[in-house]
C-alpha atoms as a PDB file:
ATOM      1  CA  UNK A   1     -64.862 -24.062  -1.601  1.00  0.00           C
ATOM      2  CA  UNK A   2     -62.575 -23.347  -4.448  1.00  0.00           C
ATOM      3  CA  UNK A   3     -64.693 -24.192  -7.626  1.00  0.00           C
ATOM      4  CA  UNK A   4     -63.898 -26.840  -9.732  1.00  0.00           C
ATOM      5  CA  UNK A   5     -64.613 -27.798 -13.190  1.00  0.00           C
ATOM      6  CA  UNK A   6     -65.231 -31.592 -13.786  1.00  0.00           C
ATOM      7  CA  UNK A   7     -64.233 -33.454 -17.089  1.00  0.00           C
ATOM      8  CA  UNK A   8     -64.503 -37.562 -17.108  1.00  0.00           C
ATOM      9  CA  UNK A   9     -64.273 -40.268 -20.264  1.00  0.00           C
ATOM     10  CA  UNK A  10     -66.089 -37.803 -23.171  1.00  0.00           C
ATOM     11  CA  UNK A  11     -69.368 -35.910 -21.088  1.00  0.00           C
ATOM     12  CA  UNK A  12     -69.628 -32.030 -21.248  1.00  0.00           C
ATOM     13  CA  UNK A  13     -67.511 -30.199 -18.407  1.00  0.00           C
ATOM     14  CA  UNK A  14     -69.255 -30.161 -15.226  1.00  0.00           C
ATOM     15  CA  UNK A  15     -68.692 -27.056 -13.029  1.00  0.00           C
ATOM     16  CA  UNK A  16     -68.612 -28.034  -9.272  1.00  0.00           C
ATOM     17  CA  UNK A  17     -69.115 -25.490  -6.768  1.00  0.00           C
ATOM     18  CA  UNK A  18     -69.686 -27.231  -3.082  1.00  0.00           C
ATOM     19  CA  UNK A  19     -67.801 -30.048  -1.589  1.00  0.00           C
ATOM     20  CA  UNK A  20     -71.268 -31.860  -1.454  1.00  0.00           C
ATOM     21  CA  UNK A  21     -72.180 -31.279  -5.169  1.00  0.00           C
ATOM     22  CA  UNK A  22     -68.460 -33.944  -5.616  1.00  0.00           C
ATOM     23  CA  UNK A  23     -69.691 -36.508  -3.309  1.00  0.00           C
ATOM     24  CA  UNK A  24     -72.837 -36.715  -5.537  1.00  0.00           C
ATOM     25  CA  UNK A  25     -70.731 -36.923  -8.779  1.00  0.00           C
ATOM     26  CA  UNK A  26     -68.363 -39.335  -7.627  1.00  0.00           C
ATOM     27  CA  UNK A  27     -70.908 -41.513  -5.294  1.00  0.00           C
ATOM     28  CA  UNK A  28     -72.994 -41.378  -9.231  1.00  0.00           C
ATOM     29  CA  UNK A  29     -70.107 -42.316 -10.411  1.00  0.00           C
ATOM     30  CA  UNK A  30     -68.320 -44.921  -8.776  1.00  0.00           C
ATOM     31  CA  UNK A  31     -72.383 -46.792  -8.597  1.00  0.00           C
ATOM     32  CA  UNK A  32     -72.887 -46.760 -13.222  1.00  0.00           C
ATOM     33  CA  UNK A  33     -72.186 -49.961 -14.078  1.00  0.00           C
ATOM     34  CA  UNK A  34     -70.052 -49.270 -17.068  1.00  0.00           C
ATOM     35  CA  UNK A  35     -67.578 -48.388 -14.709  1.00  0.00           C
ATOM     36  CA  UNK A  36     -67.595 -50.708 -12.413  1.00  0.00           C
ATOM     37  CA  UNK A  37     -66.924 -52.498 -15.349  1.00  0.00           C
ATOM     38  CA  UNK A  38     -63.467 -50.261 -16.068  1.00  0.00           C
ATOM     39  CA  UNK A  39     -63.166 -47.862 -14.448  1.00  0.00           C
ATOM     40  CA  UNK A  40     -62.934 -44.553 -15.011  1.00  0.00           C
ATOM     41  CA  UNK A  41     -60.247 -41.763 -14.547  1.00  0.00           C
ATOM     42  CA  UNK A  42     -62.072 -38.497 -13.805  1.00  0.00           C
ATOM     43  CA  UNK A  43     -60.798 -35.440 -13.739  1.00  0.00           C
ATOM     44  CA  UNK A  44     -60.747 -32.055 -10.887  1.00  0.00           C
ATOM     45  CA  UNK A  45     -59.533 -28.625 -12.437  1.00  0.00           C
ATOM     46  CA  UNK A  46     -58.891 -25.894 -10.244  1.00  0.00           C
ATOM     47  CA  UNK A  47     -60.862 -22.817 -11.903  1.00  0.00           C
ATOM     48  CA  UNK A  48     -57.400 -21.157 -13.387  1.00  0.00           C
ATOM     49  CA  UNK A  49     -56.905 -24.324 -15.141  1.00  0.00           C
ATOM     50  CA  UNK A  50     -53.428 -24.494 -12.705  1.00  0.00           C
ATOM     51  CA  UNK A  51     -53.703 -27.604 -10.903  1.00  0.00           C
ATOM     52  CA  UNK A  52     -56.261 -31.126 -11.609  1.00  0.00           C
ATOM     53  CA  UNK A  53     -56.229 -33.884  -9.914  1.00  0.00           C
ATOM     54  CA  UNK A  54     -57.679 -36.608 -11.300  1.00  0.00           C
ATOM     55  CA  UNK A  55     -58.854 -39.994  -9.281  1.00  0.00           C
ATOM     56  CA  UNK A  56     -60.026 -44.113 -10.614  1.00  0.00           C
ATOM     57  CA  UNK A  57     -63.581 -43.774 -10.238  1.00  0.00           C
ATOM     58  CA  UNK A  58     -65.272 -47.240 -10.075  1.00  0.00           C
ATOM     59  CA  UNK A  59     -63.385 -49.755  -7.646  1.00  0.00           C
ATOM     60  CA  UNK A  60     -64.434 -50.879  -3.989  1.00  0.00           C
ATOM     61  CA  UNK A  61     -61.225 -51.132  -3.543  1.00  0.00           C
ATOM     62  CA  UNK A  62     -58.487 -48.939  -4.516  1.00  0.00           C
ATOM     63  CA  UNK A  63     -58.113 -45.741  -6.449  1.00  0.00           C
ATOM     64  CA  UNK A  64     -55.650 -43.533  -7.654  1.00  0.00           C
ATOM     65  CA  UNK A  65     -54.643 -40.293  -7.673  1.00  0.00           C
ATOM     66  CA  UNK A  66     -52.484 -38.138 -10.774  1.00  0.00           C
ATOM     67  CA  UNK A  67     -50.928 -34.640  -9.447  1.00  0.00           C
ATOM     68  CA  UNK A  68     -50.671 -31.589 -12.579  1.00  0.00           C
ATOM     69  CA  UNK A  69     -49.653 -28.908 -11.902  1.00  0.00           C
ATOM     70  CA  UNK A  70     -49.984 -27.588 -15.187  1.00  0.00           C
ATOM     71  CA  UNK A  71     -46.167 -27.796 -17.321  1.00  0.00           C
ATOM     72  CA  UNK A  72     -44.338 -27.592 -14.216  1.00  0.00           C
ATOM     73  CA  UNK A  73     -44.758 -31.450 -12.725  1.00  0.00           C
ATOM     74  CA  UNK A  74     -46.957 -34.770 -12.960  1.00  0.00           C
ATOM     75  CA  UNK A  75     -47.284 -36.685  -9.239  1.00  0.00           C
ATOM     76  CA  UNK A  76     -49.265 -39.667  -8.740  1.00  0.00           C
ATOM     77  CA  UNK A  77     -50.689 -41.175  -5.450  1.00  0.00           C
ATOM     78  CA  UNK A  78     -47.584 -43.691  -3.447  1.00  0.00           C
ATOM     79  CA  UNK A  79     -48.592 -47.172  -3.320  1.00  0.00           C
ATOM     80  CA  UNK A  80     -50.020 -48.274  -0.174  1.00  0.00           C
ATOM     81  CA  UNK A  81     -52.430 -51.452  -1.576  1.00  0.00           C
ATOM     82  CA  UNK A  82     -51.471 -53.804  -4.226  1.00  0.00           C
ATOM     83  CA  UNK A  83     -52.305 -53.318  -7.263  1.00  0.00           C
ATOM     84  CA  UNK A  84     -52.831 -55.528 -10.250  1.00  0.00           C
ATOM     85  CA  UNK A  85     -50.152 -55.820 -12.560  1.00  0.00           C
ATOM     86  CA  UNK A  86     -52.379 -54.647 -15.532  1.00  0.00           C
ATOM     87  CA  UNK A  87     -54.040 -51.861 -14.115  1.00  0.00           C
ATOM     88  CA  UNK A  88     -55.814 -50.122 -16.397  1.00  0.00           C
ATOM     89  CA  UNK A  89     -58.937 -47.511 -16.801  1.00  0.00           C
ATOM     90  CA  UNK A  90     -61.249 -45.155 -19.228  1.00  0.00           C
ATOM     91  CA  UNK A  91     -58.988 -42.029 -19.975  1.00  0.00           C
ATOM     92  CA  UNK A  92     -61.561 -39.747 -21.927  1.00  0.00           C
ATOM     93  CA  UNK A  93     -63.012 -43.460 -23.847  1.00  0.00           C
ATOM     94  CA  UNK A  94     -59.341 -44.333 -24.210  1.00  0.00           C
ATOM     95  CA  UNK A  95     -57.892 -46.679 -22.164  1.00  0.00           C
ATOM     96  CA  UNK A  96     -54.876 -46.621 -20.570  1.00  0.00           C
ATOM     97  CA  UNK A  97     -52.480 -48.384 -18.021  1.00  0.00           C
ATOM     98  CA  UNK A  98     -52.069 -47.474 -14.760  1.00  0.00           C
ATOM     99  CA  UNK A  99     -48.842 -45.822 -13.273  1.00  0.00           C
ATOM    100  CA  UNK A 100     -46.779 -48.306 -11.094  1.00  0.00           C
ATOM    101  CA  UNK A 101     -47.269 -48.319  -7.402  1.00  0.00           C
ATOM    102  CA  UNK A 102     -50.191 -45.605  -6.997  1.00  0.00           C
ATOM    103  CA  UNK A 103     -52.564 -47.846  -5.689  1.00  0.00           C
ATOM    104  CA  UNK A 104     -54.233 -46.081  -3.294  1.00  0.00           C
ATOM    105  CA  UNK A 105     -57.802 -46.899  -0.897  1.00  0.00           C
ATOM    106  CA  UNK A 106     -60.809 -45.680  -2.761  1.00  0.00           C
ATOM    107  CA  UNK A 107     -61.341 -44.063   1.026  1.00  0.00           C
ATOM    108  CA  UNK A 108     -58.514 -42.348   1.055  1.00  0.00           C
ATOM    109  CA  UNK A 109     -58.654 -40.800  -2.091  1.00  0.00           C
ATOM    110  CA  UNK A 110     -62.108 -39.370  -1.811  1.00  0.00           C
ATOM    111  CA  UNK A 111     -60.610 -37.602   0.799  1.00  0.00           C
ATOM    112  CA  UNK A 112     -57.950 -36.470  -1.540  1.00  0.00           C
ATOM    113  CA  UNK A 113     -60.765 -35.540  -3.669  1.00  0.00           C
ATOM    114  CA  UNK A 114     -62.066 -33.734  -0.886  1.00  0.00           C
ATOM    115  CA  UNK A 115     -59.400 -31.313   0.065  1.00  0.00           C
ATOM    116  CA  UNK A 116     -58.211 -29.901  -3.729  1.00  0.00           C
ATOM    117  CA  UNK A 117     -61.458 -28.824  -3.502  1.00  0.00           C
ATOM    118  CA  UNK A 118     -61.685 -27.519  -0.378  1.00  0.00           C
ATOM    119  CA  UNK A 119     -57.969 -25.887  -0.472  1.00  0.00           C
ATOM    120  CA  UNK A 120     -57.497 -26.035  -4.520  1.00  0.00           C
ATOM    121  CA  UNK A 121     -53.753 -27.361  -3.077  1.00  0.00           C
ATOM    122  CA  UNK A 122     -52.208 -30.405  -3.548  1.00  0.00           C
ATOM    123  CA  UNK A 123     -53.490 -33.086  -1.740  1.00  0.00           C
ATOM    124  CA  UNK A 124     -51.432 -34.357   1.697  1.00  0.00           C
ATOM    125  CA  UNK A 125     -53.651 -37.243   2.533  1.00  0.00           C
ATOM    126  CA  UNK A 126     -51.496 -39.198   0.239  1.00  0.00           C
ATOM    127  CA  UNK A 127     -47.963 -39.593  -0.606  1.00  0.00           C
ATOM    128  CA  UNK A 128     -46.333 -37.998  -3.968  1.00  0.00           C
ATOM    129  CA  UNK A 129     -43.900 -39.840  -6.547  1.00  0.00           C
ATOM    130  CA  UNK A 130     -42.809 -38.802 -10.132  1.00  0.00           C
ATOM    131  CA  UNK A 131     -45.208 -41.963 -12.074  1.00  0.00           C
ATOM    132  CA  UNK A 132     -43.520 -45.103 -12.531  1.00  0.00           C
ATOM    133  CA  UNK A 133     -43.974 -46.256 -16.030  1.00  0.00           C
ATOM    134  CA  UNK A 134     -43.545 -49.891 -17.538  1.00  0.00           C
ATOM    135  CA  UNK A 135     -40.960 -50.054 -19.582  1.00  0.00           C
ATOM    136  CA  UNK A 136     -41.414 -51.588 -22.519  1.00  0.00           C
ATOM    137  CA  UNK A 137     -39.425 -55.743 -22.874  1.00  0.00           C
ATOM    138  CA  UNK A 138     -37.046 -55.813 -25.023  1.00  0.00           C
ATOM    139  CA  UNK A 139     -37.462 -55.962 -28.979  1.00  0.00           C
ATOM    140  CA  UNK A 140     -40.695 -53.799 -27.925  1.00  0.00           C
ATOM    141  CA  UNK A 141     -41.177 -50.858 -29.398  1.00  0.00           C
END
């Protein structure tokens, strides 16, 4: 396993050194009523800080993943399940709108998190795409 640092909401960073510890933490966050009401984006950062996998936690029906290779690349999971147009989440205490067409099954997202924790590399259990951002309506900033 690759050592990780986990960040979510405004909590102190949490070091994770085993896949079981990562599963336990994600299970606890998924069961938290606050995050069931308003999902939270959890960042899994590699020990050297060069790679981050973000996973949406709190919804039983879907999750999203965002991959960062620092200063080089940002990708999002390629959606395989229906995603609400207004999907948003808590990112560091701020409401953030999800990238479009990025929803995958929760089990698949959790498998991706375990794969990242084990390999330190971008997970291969999902397809990846450039982030799709909603364009503002005409006349909107």
